[in-house]
């Protein structure tokens, strides 16, 4: 006795989804084909008719007819399969890999790479890279940090942060630093196509250097306004001349608190300070110039005014910096202090923390 194919039916919503799948160019090809089989079944066609139209076997149509009749749209998806047993015990391999990263790399290599790890561990490259991706380990990407060893770090840091968060009444808080040896580099640039079809900024590999300048900058912490001065050198007289300009319009009775790093030019200014008793210097801890807020502005200026730019002379470079400062001051606003806490565990070996 001939077998009778099960009847299939669906809701309007399921039919719309089947029709969408049957026309899709982005879904999996197997789902598209199964949707077309089911639509043929819903149209009343026999399995062999559908198979002839789609160039497949009638038995295949029968399988997906029965699956859809029993489970609906969910039945068109592949069922969970056990898959091939893992060749390498995942927990043991993870432990071995992370421990190996702690060891010195092979002779002649500065760092581990996937191939060298696979060779030492006796596993395939694919197994190593799958585990590295899973753990988020980047073998070539680097980050650096600087830990201050200043014995008075807490006292100095609290002093400066106190000036930011709770300044003395009617006092002017100024953050000062210099960016030395800014090069006036002339280098052609333009938009270019890459092999991937992307359009990027292209820079000629050769350039002409037209000298360097030094930039002093003072950030008014309360307003975010920048006062700057370019000089050919960065000697102590240059620094003091800039300070004169900064405090020139400040009333003699108003206190001025200047935040500085430990650069040599900023030290041994006792004679100048004696002549300006309302000015007080506050030095950041050693290796902690990030506490100086003007460093944030230097980063902004470098990205927006210097990176990728071309200058034919130091005069043109000076003008470009002055134009940027003027434009920045039109919309200046104070920085919000958001330095995150660095916990002790973050300063230890991160790889070791992964498997401990």
C-alpha atoms as a PDB file:
ATOM      1  CA  UNK A   1       0.000   0.000   0.000  1.00  0.00           C
ATOM      2  CA  UNK A   2       1.404   3.394  -1.002  1.00  0.00           C
ATOM      3  CA  UNK A   3       2.341   5.768   1.790  1.00  0.00           C
ATOM      4  CA  UNK A   4       0.382   9.009   2.042  1.00  0.00           C
ATOM      5  CA  UNK A   5       2.384  12.191   2.590  1.00  0.00           C
ATOM      6  CA  UNK A   6       1.230  14.102   5.689  1.00  0.00           C
ATOM      7  CA  UNK A   7      -0.838  17.169   5.033  1.00  0.00           C
ATOM      8  CA  UNK A   8       0.757  20.486   5.960  1.00  0.00           C
ATOM      9  CA  UNK A   9      -0.820  23.772   6.989  1.00  0.00           C
ATOM     10  CA  UNK A  10       0.417  27.034   8.458  1.00  0.00           C
ATOM     11  CA  UNK A  11      -0.726  30.375   9.790  1.00  0.00           C
ATOM     12  CA  UNK A  12      -0.665  33.565   7.769  1.00  0.00           C
ATOM     13  CA  UNK A  13       2.365  34.734   9.729  1.00  0.00           C
ATOM     14  CA  UNK A  14       4.234  31.494   9.004  1.00  0.00           C
ATOM     15  CA  UNK A  15       3.384  31.745   5.309  1.00  0.00           C
ATOM     16  CA  UNK A  16       4.755  35.287   5.145  1.00  0.00           C
ATOM     17  CA  UNK A  17       7.966  34.136   6.794  1.00  0.00           C
ATOM     18  CA  UNK A  18       8.244  31.172   4.390  1.00  0.00           C
ATOM     19  CA  UNK A  19       7.787  33.471   1.399  1.00  0.00           C
ATOM     20  CA  UNK A  20      10.386  35.859   2.760  1.00  0.00           C
ATOM     21  CA  UNK A  21      12.848  33.033   3.294  1.00  0.00           C
ATOM     22  CA  UNK A  22      12.243  31.610  -0.181  1.00  0.00           C
ATOM     23  CA  UNK A  23      13.270  34.946  -1.745  1.00  0.00           C
ATOM     24  CA  UNK A  24      16.128  35.734   0.644  1.00  0.00           C
ATOM     25  CA  UNK A  25      19.688  36.239  -0.563  1.00  0.00           C
ATOM     26  CA  UNK A  26      21.174  36.684   2.885  1.00  0.00           C
ATOM     27  CA  UNK A  27      19.795  33.731   4.884  1.00  0.00           C
ATOM     28  CA  UNK A  28      21.432  30.302   4.784  1.00  0.00           C
ATOM     29  CA  UNK A  29      20.935  28.526   1.441  1.00  0.00           C
ATOM     30  CA  UNK A  30      19.620  25.400   3.185  1.00  0.00           C
ATOM     31  CA  UNK A  31      16.847  27.405   4.910  1.00  0.00           C
ATOM     32  CA  UNK A  32      15.888  29.030   1.610  1.00  0.00           C
ATOM     33  CA  UNK A  33      15.618  25.616  -0.055  1.00  0.00           C
ATOM     34  CA  UNK A  34      13.563  24.150   2.803  1.00  0.00           C
ATOM     35  CA  UNK A  35      11.179  27.107   2.683  1.00  0.00           C
ATOM     36  CA  UNK A  36      10.638  26.491  -1.028  1.00  0.00           C
ATOM     37  CA  UNK A  37       9.930  22.808  -0.346  1.00  0.00           C
ATOM     38  CA  UNK A  38       7.303  23.650   2.260  1.00  0.00           C
ATOM     39  CA  UNK A  39       5.671  26.264   0.012  1.00  0.00           C
ATOM     40  CA  UNK A  40       5.388  23.585  -2.668  1.00  0.00           C
ATOM     41  CA  UNK A  41       3.781  21.260  -0.127  1.00  0.00           C
ATOM     42  CA  UNK A  42       1.331  23.976   0.888  1.00  0.00           C
ATOM     43  CA  UNK A  43       0.452  24.436  -2.790  1.00  0.00           C
ATOM     44  CA  UNK A  44      -0.677  20.796  -2.924  1.00  0.00           C
ATOM     45  CA  UNK A  45       2.224  19.446  -4.991  1.00  0.00           C
ATOM     46  CA  UNK A  46       3.580  15.909  -4.601  1.00  0.00           C
ATOM     47  CA  UNK A  47       7.044  15.282  -3.248  1.00  0.00           C
ATOM     48  CA  UNK A  48       8.363  14.108  -6.609  1.00  0.00           C
ATOM     49  CA  UNK A  49       7.036  17.261  -8.334  1.00  0.00           C
ATOM     50  CA  UNK A  50       8.755  19.522  -5.817  1.00  0.00           C
ATOM     51  CA  UNK A  51      11.955  17.481  -6.057  1.00  0.00           C
ATOM     52  CA  UNK A  52      12.004  17.824  -9.847  1.00  0.00           C
ATOM     53  CA  UNK A  53      11.556  21.619  -9.628  1.00  0.00           C
ATOM     54  CA  UNK A  54      14.362  22.037  -7.064  1.00  0.00           C
ATOM     55  CA  UNK A  55      16.674  19.330  -8.512  1.00  0.00           C
ATOM     56  CA  UNK A  56      16.766  17.333  -5.276  1.00  0.00           C
ATOM     57  CA  UNK A  57      15.675  13.867  -4.182  1.00  0.00           C
ATOM     58  CA  UNK A  58      12.003  13.169  -3.305  1.00  0.00           C
ATOM     59  CA  UNK A  59      13.109  11.649   0.005  1.00  0.00           C
ATOM     60  CA  UNK A  60      14.601  15.001   1.027  1.00  0.00           C
ATOM     61  CA  UNK A  61      11.278  16.723   0.389  1.00  0.00           C
ATOM     62  CA  UNK A  62       9.553  14.066   2.469  1.00  0.00           C
ATOM     63  CA  UNK A  63      11.875  14.682   5.425  1.00  0.00           C
ATOM     64  CA  UNK A  64      11.153  18.412   5.579  1.00  0.00           C
ATOM     65  CA  UNK A  65       7.437  17.941   4.891  1.00  0.00           C
ATOM     66  CA  UNK A  66       7.189  15.713   7.958  1.00  0.00           C
ATOM     67  CA  UNK A  67       9.366  18.050  10.067  1.00  0.00           C
ATOM     68  CA  UNK A  68       7.255  21.077   9.198  1.00  0.00           C
ATOM     69  CA  UNK A  69       3.996  19.215   9.753  1.00  0.00           C
ATOM     70  CA  UNK A  70       5.179  18.173  13.235  1.00  0.00           C
ATOM     71  CA  UNK A  71       7.109  21.245  14.421  1.00  0.00           C
ATOM     72  CA  UNK A  72       6.205  24.182  12.188  1.00  0.00           C
ATOM     73  CA  UNK A  73       8.859  26.810  11.415  1.00  0.00           C
ATOM     74  CA  UNK A  74      11.072  25.517  14.183  1.00  0.00           C
ATOM     75  CA  UNK A  75      11.339  22.203  12.377  1.00  0.00           C
ATOM     76  CA  UNK A  76      13.202  23.822   9.456  1.00  0.00           C
ATOM     77  CA  UNK A  77      16.219  24.497  11.664  1.00  0.00           C
ATOM     78  CA  UNK A  78      18.977  21.941  12.137  1.00  0.00           C
ATOM     79  CA  UNK A  79      18.729  19.996  15.362  1.00  0.00           C
ATOM     80  CA  UNK A  80      21.461  20.146  17.971  1.00  0.00           C
ATOM     81  CA  UNK A  81      24.264  17.749  17.128  1.00  0.00           C
ATOM     82  CA  UNK A  82      26.883  16.374  19.538  1.00  0.00           C
ATOM     83  CA  UNK A  83      29.723  17.192  17.150  1.00  0.00           C
ATOM     84  CA  UNK A  84      33.172  15.718  17.100  1.00  0.00           C
ATOM     85  CA  UNK A  85      34.698  15.127  20.549  1.00  0.00           C
ATOM     86  CA  UNK A  86      37.364  17.719  21.410  1.00  0.00           C
ATOM     87  CA  UNK A  87      40.850  16.592  20.502  1.00  0.00           C
ATOM     88  CA  UNK A  88      42.452  18.505  23.356  1.00  0.00           C
ATOM     89  CA  UNK A  89      40.909  18.712  26.860  1.00  0.00           C
ATOM     90  CA  UNK A  90      39.760  22.365  26.943  1.00  0.00           C
ATOM     91  CA  UNK A  91      40.400  23.066  30.634  1.00  0.00           C
ATOM     92  CA  UNK A  92      43.831  21.459  30.596  1.00  0.00           C
ATOM     93  CA  UNK A  93      44.817  23.183  27.336  1.00  0.00           C
ATOM     94  CA  UNK A  94      43.703  26.547  28.704  1.00  0.00           C
ATOM     95  CA  UNK A  95      45.852  26.094  31.804  1.00  0.00           C
ATOM     96  CA  UNK A  96      48.885  25.014  29.761  1.00  0.00           C
ATOM     97  CA  UNK A  97      48.506  27.877  27.296  1.00  0.00           C
ATOM     98  CA  UNK A  98      48.211  30.590  29.943  1.00  0.00           C
ATOM     99  CA  UNK A  99      51.148  29.169  31.880  1.00  0.00           C
ATOM    100  CA  UNK A 100      53.232  29.052  28.697  1.00  0.00           C
ATOM    101  CA  UNK A 101      52.569  32.739  28.041  1.00  0.00           C
ATOM    102  CA  UNK A 102      54.321  33.432  31.338  1.00  0.00           C
ATOM    103  CA  UNK A 103      57.499  31.761  30.107  1.00  0.00           C
ATOM    104  CA  UNK A 104      60.175  33.491  27.984  1.00  0.00           C
ATOM    105  CA  UNK A 105      59.511  33.153  24.231  1.00  0.00           C
ATOM    106  CA  UNK A 106      61.781  30.975  22.069  1.00  0.00           C
ATOM    107  CA  UNK A 107      65.331  32.182  21.454  1.00  0.00           C
ATOM    108  CA  UNK A 108      65.442  34.993  18.935  1.00  0.00           C
ATOM    109  CA  UNK A 109      61.813  36.041  19.465  1.00  0.00           C
ATOM    110  CA  UNK A 110      60.645  39.046  21.467  1.00  0.00           C
ATOM    111  CA  UNK A 111      57.112  37.741  22.048  1.00  0.00           C
ATOM    112  CA  UNK A 112      55.062  34.583  21.594  1.00  0.00           C
ATOM    113  CA  UNK A 113      53.012  34.099  18.450  1.00  0.00           C
ATOM    114  CA  UNK A 114      50.389  31.499  17.594  1.00  0.00           C
ATOM    115  CA  UNK A 115      52.750  29.201  15.714  1.00  0.00           C
ATOM    116  CA  UNK A 116      55.395  29.095  18.419  1.00  0.00           C
ATOM    117  CA  UNK A 117      52.786  28.423  21.114  1.00  0.00           C
ATOM    118  CA  UNK A 118      51.270  25.615  19.062  1.00  0.00           C
ATOM    119  CA  UNK A 119      54.705  24.030  18.538  1.00  0.00           C
ATOM    120  CA  UNK A 120      55.641  24.111  22.221  1.00  0.00           C
ATOM    121  CA  UNK A 121      52.241  22.838  23.373  1.00  0.00           C
ATOM    122  CA  UNK A 122      52.062  20.157  20.684  1.00  0.00           C
ATOM    123  CA  UNK A 123      48.652  21.274  19.395  1.00  0.00           C
ATOM    124  CA  UNK A 124      47.353  22.798  16.178  1.00  0.00           C
ATOM    125  CA  UNK A 125      47.510  26.511  15.353  1.00  0.00           C
ATOM    126  CA  UNK A 126      43.711  26.562  15.129  1.00  0.00           C
ATOM    127  CA  UNK A 127      43.343  25.222  18.678  1.00  0.00           C
ATOM    128  CA  UNK A 128      45.675  27.938  20.007  1.00  0.00           C
ATOM    129  CA  UNK A 129      43.926  30.775  18.180  1.00  0.00           C
ATOM    130  CA  UNK A 130      40.457  29.582  19.174  1.00  0.00           C
ATOM    131  CA  UNK A 131      41.480  29.631  22.822  1.00  0.00           C
ATOM    132  CA  UNK A 132      43.262  32.992  22.554  1.00  0.00           C
ATOM    133  CA  UNK A 133      40.166  34.552  20.973  1.00  0.00           C
ATOM    134  CA  UNK A 134      37.932  33.030  23.633  1.00  0.00           C
ATOM    135  CA  UNK A 135      40.113  34.400  26.444  1.00  0.00           C
ATOM    136  CA  UNK A 136      40.540  37.782  24.735  1.00  0.00           C
ATOM    137  CA  UNK A 137      44.348  37.485  24.728  1.00  0.00           C
ATOM    138  CA  UNK A 138      45.992  39.778  22.147  1.00  0.00           C
ATOM    139  CA  UNK A 139      49.538  38.593  21.485  1.00  0.00           C
ATOM    140  CA  UNK A 140      50.713  41.656  19.555  1.00  0.00           C
ATOM    141  CA  UNK A 141      48.567  44.476  20.928  1.00  0.00           C
ATOM    142  CA  UNK A 142      50.313  46.432  23.672  1.00  0.00           C
ATOM    143  CA  UNK A 143      49.383  48.890  26.391  1.00  0.00           C
ATOM    144  CA  UNK A 144      51.687  50.683  28.806  1.00  0.00           C
ATOM    145  CA  UNK A 145      51.258  52.128  32.249  1.00  0.00           C
ATOM    146  CA  UNK A 146      53.302  54.243  34.582  1.00  0.00           C
ATOM    147  CA  UNK A 147      53.275  53.807  38.334  1.00  0.00           C
ATOM    148  CA  UNK A 148      54.571  56.692  40.393  1.00  0.00           C
ATOM    149  CA  UNK A 149      57.183  55.774  42.974  1.00  0.00           C
ATOM    150  CA  UNK A 150      57.040  59.197  44.625  1.00  0.00           C
ATOM    151  CA  UNK A 151      56.947  58.615  48.415  1.00  0.00           C
ATOM    152  CA  UNK A 152      54.763  61.726  48.713  1.00  0.00           C
ATOM    153  CA  UNK A 153      52.363  60.663  45.945  1.00  0.00           C
ATOM    154  CA  UNK A 154      49.241  60.707  48.110  1.00  0.00           C
ATOM    155  CA  UNK A 155      49.969  64.136  49.588  1.00  0.00           C
ATOM    156  CA  UNK A 156      50.854  65.764  46.252  1.00  0.00           C
ATOM    157  CA  UNK A 157      47.969  64.136  44.383  1.00  0.00           C
ATOM    158  CA  UNK A 158      45.471  65.153  47.065  1.00  0.00           C
ATOM    159  CA  UNK A 159      46.783  68.726  46.918  1.00  0.00           C
ATOM    160  CA  UNK A 160      46.249  68.978  43.141  1.00  0.00           C
ATOM    161  CA  UNK A 161      42.893  67.186  43.050  1.00  0.00           C
ATOM    162  CA  UNK A 162      41.778  69.431  45.894  1.00  0.00           C
ATOM    163  CA  UNK A 163      42.547  72.456  43.700  1.00  0.00           C
ATOM    164  CA  UNK A 164      40.371  70.961  40.951  1.00  0.00           C
ATOM    165  CA  UNK A 165      37.436  69.966  43.121  1.00  0.00           C
ATOM    166  CA  UNK A 166      37.500  72.544  45.900  1.00  0.00           C
ATOM    167  CA  UNK A 167      39.693  75.531  44.950  1.00  0.00           C
ATOM    168  CA  UNK A 168      40.383  78.345  47.442  1.00  0.00           C
ATOM    169  CA  UNK A 169      37.823  81.127  47.336  1.00  0.00           C
ATOM    170  CA  UNK A 170      38.493  83.765  44.632  1.00  0.00           C
ATOM    171  CA  UNK A 171      41.715  81.990  43.619  1.00  0.00           C
ATOM    172  CA  UNK A 172      42.754  81.394  39.999  1.00  0.00           C
ATOM    173  CA  UNK A 173      43.763  77.786  39.223  1.00  0.00           C
ATOM    174  CA  UNK A 174      46.060  77.446  36.206  1.00  0.00           C
ATOM    175  CA  UNK A 175      47.405  74.231  34.694  1.00  0.00           C
ATOM    176  CA  UNK A 176      50.637  74.845  32.751  1.00  0.00           C
ATOM    177  CA  UNK A 177      52.973  72.734  30.657  1.00  0.00           C
ATOM    178  CA  UNK A 178      54.905  72.863  27.394  1.00  0.00           C
ATOM    179  CA  UNK A 179      54.959  70.733  24.258  1.00  0.00           C
ATOM    180  CA  UNK A 180      58.556  70.844  23.013  1.00  0.00           C
ATOM    181  CA  UNK A 181      60.052  70.267  19.588  1.00  0.00           C
ATOM    182  CA  UNK A 182      56.892  70.458  17.491  1.00  0.00           C
ATOM    183  CA  UNK A 183      58.119  69.811  13.955  1.00  0.00           C
ATOM    184  CA  UNK A 184      57.099  71.893  10.967  1.00  0.00           C
ATOM    185  CA  UNK A 185      56.869  69.007   8.508  1.00  0.00           C
ATOM    186  CA  UNK A 186      55.930  69.508   4.882  1.00  0.00           C
ATOM    187  CA  UNK A 187      54.397  66.343   3.442  1.00  0.00           C
ATOM    188  CA  UNK A 188      51.850  65.968   0.624  1.00  0.00           C
ATOM    189  CA  UNK A 189      48.629  64.162   1.508  1.00  0.00           C
ATOM    190  CA  UNK A 190      45.276  63.350  -0.022  1.00  0.00           C
ATOM    191  CA  UNK A 191      42.445  60.823  -0.176  1.00  0.00           C
ATOM    192  CA  UNK A 192      43.348  57.467  -1.729  1.00  0.00           C
ATOM    193  CA  UNK A 193      41.593  54.186  -2.496  1.00  0.00           C
ATOM    194  CA  UNK A 194      42.869  51.015  -0.841  1.00  0.00           C
ATOM    195  CA  UNK A 195      42.683  47.480  -2.206  1.00  0.00           C
ATOM    196  CA  UNK A 196      39.774  46.775   0.120  1.00  0.00           C
ATOM    197  CA  UNK A 197      37.783  49.551  -1.541  1.00  0.00           C
ATOM    198  CA  UNK A 198      38.072  51.886   1.450  1.00  0.00           C
ATOM    199  CA  UNK A 199      38.972  55.546   1.083  1.00  0.00           C
ATOM    200  CA  UNK A 200      41.632  56.699   3.547  1.00  0.00           C
ATOM    201  CA  UNK A 201      43.930  59.659   4.090  1.00  0.00           C
ATOM    202  CA  UNK A 202      47.222  59.013   2.313  1.00  0.00           C
ATOM    203  CA  UNK A 203      50.539  60.574   3.369  1.00  0.00           C
ATOM    204  CA  UNK A 204      53.678  60.595   1.251  1.00  0.00           C
ATOM    205  CA  UNK A 205      56.415  58.543   2.880  1.00  0.00           C
ATOM    206  CA  UNK A 206      59.055  61.269   2.459  1.00  0.00           C
ATOM    207  CA  UNK A 207      58.826  64.735   3.963  1.00  0.00           C
ATOM    208  CA  UNK A 208      60.769  67.960   4.388  1.00  0.00           C
ATOM    209  CA  UNK A 209      61.477  69.324   7.863  1.00  0.00           C
ATOM    210  CA  UNK A 210      61.467  73.103   8.336  1.00  0.00           C
ATOM    211  CA  UNK A 211      62.487  73.375  11.977  1.00  0.00           C
ATOM    212  CA  UNK A 212      60.786  73.066  15.343  1.00  0.00           C
ATOM    213  CA  UNK A 213      59.037  75.278  17.868  1.00  0.00           C
ATOM    214  CA  UNK A 214      58.091  74.989  21.522  1.00  0.00           C
ATOM    215  CA  UNK A 215      54.551  75.566  22.754  1.00  0.00           C
ATOM    216  CA  UNK A 216      53.677  76.790  26.245  1.00  0.00           C
ATOM    217  CA  UNK A 217      50.024  76.451  27.263  1.00  0.00           C
ATOM    218  CA  UNK A 218      48.093  77.511  30.344  1.00  0.00           C
ATOM    219  CA  UNK A 219      44.635  76.078  31.032  1.00  0.00           C
ATOM    220  CA  UNK A 220      42.219  78.038  33.190  1.00  0.00           C
ATOM    221  CA  UNK A 221      40.747  75.123  35.119  1.00  0.00           C
ATOM    222  CA  UNK A 222      37.513  76.967  35.933  1.00  0.00           C
ATOM    223  CA  UNK A 223      36.678  78.052  32.373  1.00  0.00           C
ATOM    224  CA  UNK A 224      38.690  75.730  30.121  1.00  0.00           C
ATOM    225  CA  UNK A 225      40.178  78.726  28.262  1.00  0.00           C
ATOM    226  CA  UNK A 226      43.705  78.280  26.920  1.00  0.00           C
ATOM    227  CA  UNK A 227      46.477  80.891  26.856  1.00  0.00           C
ATOM    228  CA  UNK A 228      49.444  79.888  24.720  1.00  0.00           C
ATOM    229  CA  UNK A 229      52.797  81.092  23.451  1.00  0.00           C
ATOM    230  CA  UNK A 230      55.223  79.627  20.934  1.00  0.00           C
ATOM    231  CA  UNK A 231      58.962  80.050  21.387  1.00  0.00           C
ATOM    232  CA  UNK A 232      62.064  78.781  19.577  1.00  0.00           C
ATOM    233  CA  UNK A 233      63.441  77.359  22.855  1.00  0.00           C
ATOM    234  CA  UNK A 234      62.094  76.010  26.163  1.00  0.00           C
ATOM    235  CA  UNK A 235      64.584  77.471  28.614  1.00  0.00           C
ATOM    236  CA  UNK A 236      63.788  78.885  32.025  1.00  0.00           C
ATOM    237  CA  UNK A 237      63.690  82.517  30.793  1.00  0.00           C
ATOM    238  CA  UNK A 238      61.119  81.439  28.167  1.00  0.00           C
ATOM    239  CA  UNK A 239      59.027  79.785  30.860  1.00  0.00           C
ATOM    240  CA  UNK A 240      59.193  82.833  33.136  1.00  0.00           C
ATOM    241  CA  UNK A 241      58.302  85.169  30.264  1.00  0.00           C
ATOM    242  CA  UNK A 242      55.208  83.057  29.596  1.00  0.00           C
ATOM    243  CA  UNK A 243      54.289  83.157  33.287  1.00  0.00           C
ATOM    244  CA  UNK A 244      54.530  86.960  33.163  1.00  0.00           C
ATOM    245  CA  UNK A 245      51.952  86.992  30.364  1.00  0.00           C
ATOM    246  CA  UNK A 246      49.665  84.608  32.231  1.00  0.00           C
ATOM    247  CA  UNK A 247      49.539  86.695  35.420  1.00  0.00           C
ATOM    248  CA  UNK A 248      49.811  90.101  33.735  1.00  0.00           C
ATOM    249  CA  UNK A 249      46.081  90.884  34.018  1.00  0.00           C
ATOM    250  CA  UNK A 250      45.498  89.146  37.352  1.00  0.00           C
ATOM    251  CA  UNK A 251      44.892  91.585  40.254  1.00  0.00           C
ATOM    252  CA  UNK A 252      47.791  91.681  42.689  1.00  0.00           C
ATOM    253  CA  UNK A 253      45.552  90.625  45.583  1.00  0.00           C
ATOM    254  CA  UNK A 254      44.213  87.499  43.821  1.00  0.00           C
ATOM    255  CA  UNK A 255      45.930  84.191  44.530  1.00  0.00           C
ATOM    256  CA  UNK A 256      47.160  82.200  41.544  1.00  0.00           C
ATOM    257  CA  UNK A 257      47.793  78.482  41.970  1.00  0.00           C
ATOM    258  CA  UNK A 258      49.857  76.972  39.153  1.00  0.00           C
ATOM    259  CA  UNK A 259      49.888  73.198  38.588  1.00  0.00           C
ATOM    260  CA  UNK A 260      53.125  71.933  37.015  1.00  0.00           C
ATOM    261  CA  UNK A 261      55.006  68.705  36.430  1.00  0.00           C
ATOM    262  CA  UNK A 262      58.589  68.113  37.581  1.00  0.00           C
ATOM    263  CA  UNK A 263      60.385  69.258  34.424  1.00  0.00           C
ATOM    264  CA  UNK A 264      63.669  71.012  35.271  1.00  0.00           C
ATOM    265  CA  UNK A 265      62.576  74.358  33.782  1.00  0.00           C
ATOM    266  CA  UNK A 266      59.719  74.505  36.279  1.00  0.00           C
ATOM    267  CA  UNK A 267      62.091  74.259  39.235  1.00  0.00           C
ATOM    268  CA  UNK A 268      64.519  76.850  40.649  1.00  0.00           C
ATOM    269  CA  UNK A 269      62.212  79.813  40.007  1.00  0.00           C
ATOM    270  CA  UNK A 270      62.490  81.165  43.531  1.00  0.00           C
ATOM    271  CA  UNK A 271      63.497  84.680  42.407  1.00  0.00           C
ATOM    272  CA  UNK A 272      60.491  84.934  40.083  1.00  0.00           C
ATOM    273  CA  UNK A 273      58.140  83.633  42.791  1.00  0.00           C
ATOM    274  CA  UNK A 274      59.556  86.125  45.275  1.00  0.00           C
ATOM    275  CA  UNK A 275      58.665  88.917  42.838  1.00  0.00           C
ATOM    276  CA  UNK A 276      55.116  87.496  42.486  1.00  0.00           C
ATOM    277  CA  UNK A 277      54.062  86.547  46.011  1.00  0.00           C
ATOM    278  CA  UNK A 278      50.441  85.825  44.967  1.00  0.00           C
ATOM    279  CA  UNK A 279      51.617  82.918  42.738  1.00  0.00           C
ATOM    280  CA  UNK A 280      51.990  79.451  44.238  1.00  0.00           C
ATOM    281  CA  UNK A 281      53.446  76.423  42.439  1.00  0.00           C
ATOM    282  CA  UNK A 282      52.007  72.909  42.942  1.00  0.00           C
ATOM    283  CA  UNK A 283      54.021  70.040  41.472  1.00  0.00           C
ATOM    284  CA  UNK A 284      52.519  66.734  40.393  1.00  0.00           C
ATOM    285  CA  UNK A 285      54.046  63.569  41.875  1.00  0.00           C
ATOM    286  CA  UNK A 286      56.946  62.024  39.985  1.00  0.00           C
ATOM    287  CA  UNK A 287      55.778  60.092  36.909  1.00  0.00           C
ATOM    288  CA  UNK A 288      52.221  61.393  37.349  1.00  0.00           C
ATOM    289  CA  UNK A 289      51.973  64.279  34.898  1.00  0.00           C
ATOM    290  CA  UNK A 290      48.528  62.913  33.935  1.00  0.00           C
ATOM    291  CA  UNK A 291      47.292  64.797  37.000  1.00  0.00           C
ATOM    292  CA  UNK A 292      47.969  67.997  35.065  1.00  0.00           C
ATOM    293  CA  UNK A 293      44.766  68.771  33.135  1.00  0.00           C
ATOM    294  CA  UNK A 294      46.498  70.748  30.401  1.00  0.00           C
ATOM    295  CA  UNK A 295      47.883  67.407  29.171  1.00  0.00           C
ATOM    296  CA  UNK A 296      44.332  66.566  28.077  1.00  0.00           C
ATOM    297  CA  UNK A 297      44.236  69.700  25.952  1.00  0.00           C
ATOM    298  CA  UNK A 298      47.620  68.912  24.383  1.00  0.00           C
ATOM    299  CA  UNK A 299      46.172  65.589  23.242  1.00  0.00           C
ATOM    300  CA  UNK A 300      43.168  67.311  21.671  1.00  0.00           C
ATOM    301  CA  UNK A 301      45.358  69.890  19.942  1.00  0.00           C
ATOM    302  CA  UNK A 302      47.720  67.240  18.573  1.00  0.00           C
ATOM    303  CA  UNK A 303      44.883  65.189  17.087  1.00  0.00           C
ATOM    304  CA  UNK A 304      42.993  68.103  15.560  1.00  0.00           C
ATOM    305  CA  UNK A 305      45.693  70.581  14.516  1.00  0.00           C
ATOM    306  CA  UNK A 306      48.952  68.659  14.017  1.00  0.00           C
ATOM    307  CA  UNK A 307      48.351  65.036  13.058  1.00  0.00           C
ATOM    308  CA  UNK A 308      48.510  64.641   9.289  1.00  0.00           C
ATOM    309  CA  UNK A 309      49.033  68.379   8.698  1.00  0.00           C
ATOM    310  CA  UNK A 310      51.669  69.881   6.399  1.00  0.00           C
ATOM    311  CA  UNK A 311      53.611  73.079   7.160  1.00  0.00           C
ATOM    312  CA  UNK A 312      56.111  74.841   4.917  1.00  0.00           C
ATOM    313  CA  UNK A 313      57.658  76.873   7.765  1.00  0.00           C
ATOM    314  CA  UNK A 314      57.646  77.334  11.508  1.00  0.00           C
ATOM    315  CA  UNK A 315      55.710  80.547  10.937  1.00  0.00           C
ATOM    316  CA  UNK A 316      52.909  78.605   9.249  1.00  0.00           C
ATOM    317  CA  UNK A 317      52.949  76.083  12.098  1.00  0.00           C
ATOM    318  CA  UNK A 318      52.749  78.888  14.666  1.00  0.00           C
ATOM    319  CA  UNK A 319      49.785  80.426  12.837  1.00  0.00           C
ATOM    320  CA  UNK A 320      47.991  77.075  12.699  1.00  0.00           C
ATOM    321  CA  UNK A 321      48.380  76.585  16.455  1.00  0.00           C
ATOM    322  CA  UNK A 322      47.185  80.128  17.167  1.00  0.00           C
ATOM    323  CA  UNK A 323      44.132  79.595  14.926  1.00  0.00           C
ATOM    324  CA  UNK A 324      43.298  76.362  16.720  1.00  0.00           C
ATOM    325  CA  UNK A 325      43.616  77.995  20.151  1.00  0.00           C
ATOM    326  CA  UNK A 326      41.297  80.835  19.061  1.00  0.00           C
ATOM    327  CA  UNK A 327      38.708  78.393  17.698  1.00  0.00           C
ATOM    328  CA  UNK A 328      38.967  76.191  20.788  1.00  0.00           C
ATOM    329  CA  UNK A 329      38.480  79.126  23.176  1.00  0.00           C
ATOM    330  CA  UNK A 330      35.235  80.095  21.417  1.00  0.00           C
ATOM    331  CA  UNK A 331      33.659  76.903  22.793  1.00  0.00           C
ATOM    332  CA  UNK A 332      35.916  76.274  25.773  1.00  0.00           C
ATOM    333  CA  UNK A 333      34.510  74.422  28.770  1.00  0.00           C
ATOM    334  CA  UNK A 334      36.143  73.019  31.905  1.00  0.00           C
ATOM    335  CA  UNK A 335      37.182  69.368  31.896  1.00  0.00           C
ATOM    336  CA  UNK A 336      35.232  66.932  34.047  1.00  0.00           C
ATOM    337  CA  UNK A 337      37.592  64.945  36.276  1.00  0.00           C
ATOM    338  CA  UNK A 338      37.007  61.294  35.433  1.00  0.00           C
ATOM    339  CA  UNK A 339      40.292  59.529  36.087  1.00  0.00           C
ATOM    340  CA  UNK A 340      39.339  55.957  37.031  1.00  0.00           C
ATOM    341  CA  UNK A 341      40.766  54.127  39.993  1.00  0.00           C
ATOM    342  CA  UNK A 342      43.598  51.711  39.196  1.00  0.00           C
ATOM    343  CA  UNK A 343      43.349  48.795  41.601  1.00  0.00           C
ATOM    344  CA  UNK A 344      46.363  46.884  42.822  1.00  0.00           C
ATOM    345  CA  UNK A 345      45.350  43.700  41.006  1.00  0.00           C
ATOM    346  CA  UNK A 346      45.489  45.552  37.692  1.00  0.00           C
ATOM    347  CA  UNK A 347      49.177  46.208  38.206  1.00  0.00           C
ATOM    348  CA  UNK A 348      49.993  42.554  38.607  1.00  0.00           C
ATOM    349  CA  UNK A 349      50.412  40.111  35.772  1.00  0.00           C
ATOM    350  CA  UNK A 350      47.076  39.981  33.967  1.00  0.00           C
ATOM    351  CA  UNK A 351      47.687  36.549  32.399  1.00  0.00           C
ATOM    352  CA  UNK A 352      48.324  35.019  35.801  1.00  0.00           C
ATOM    353  CA  UNK A 353      45.046  36.488  37.041  1.00  0.00           C
ATOM    354  CA  UNK A 354      43.183  34.643  34.263  1.00  0.00           C
ATOM    355  CA  UNK A 355      43.877  31.172  35.575  1.00  0.00           C
ATOM    356  CA  UNK A 356      44.316  31.820  39.319  1.00  0.00           C
END
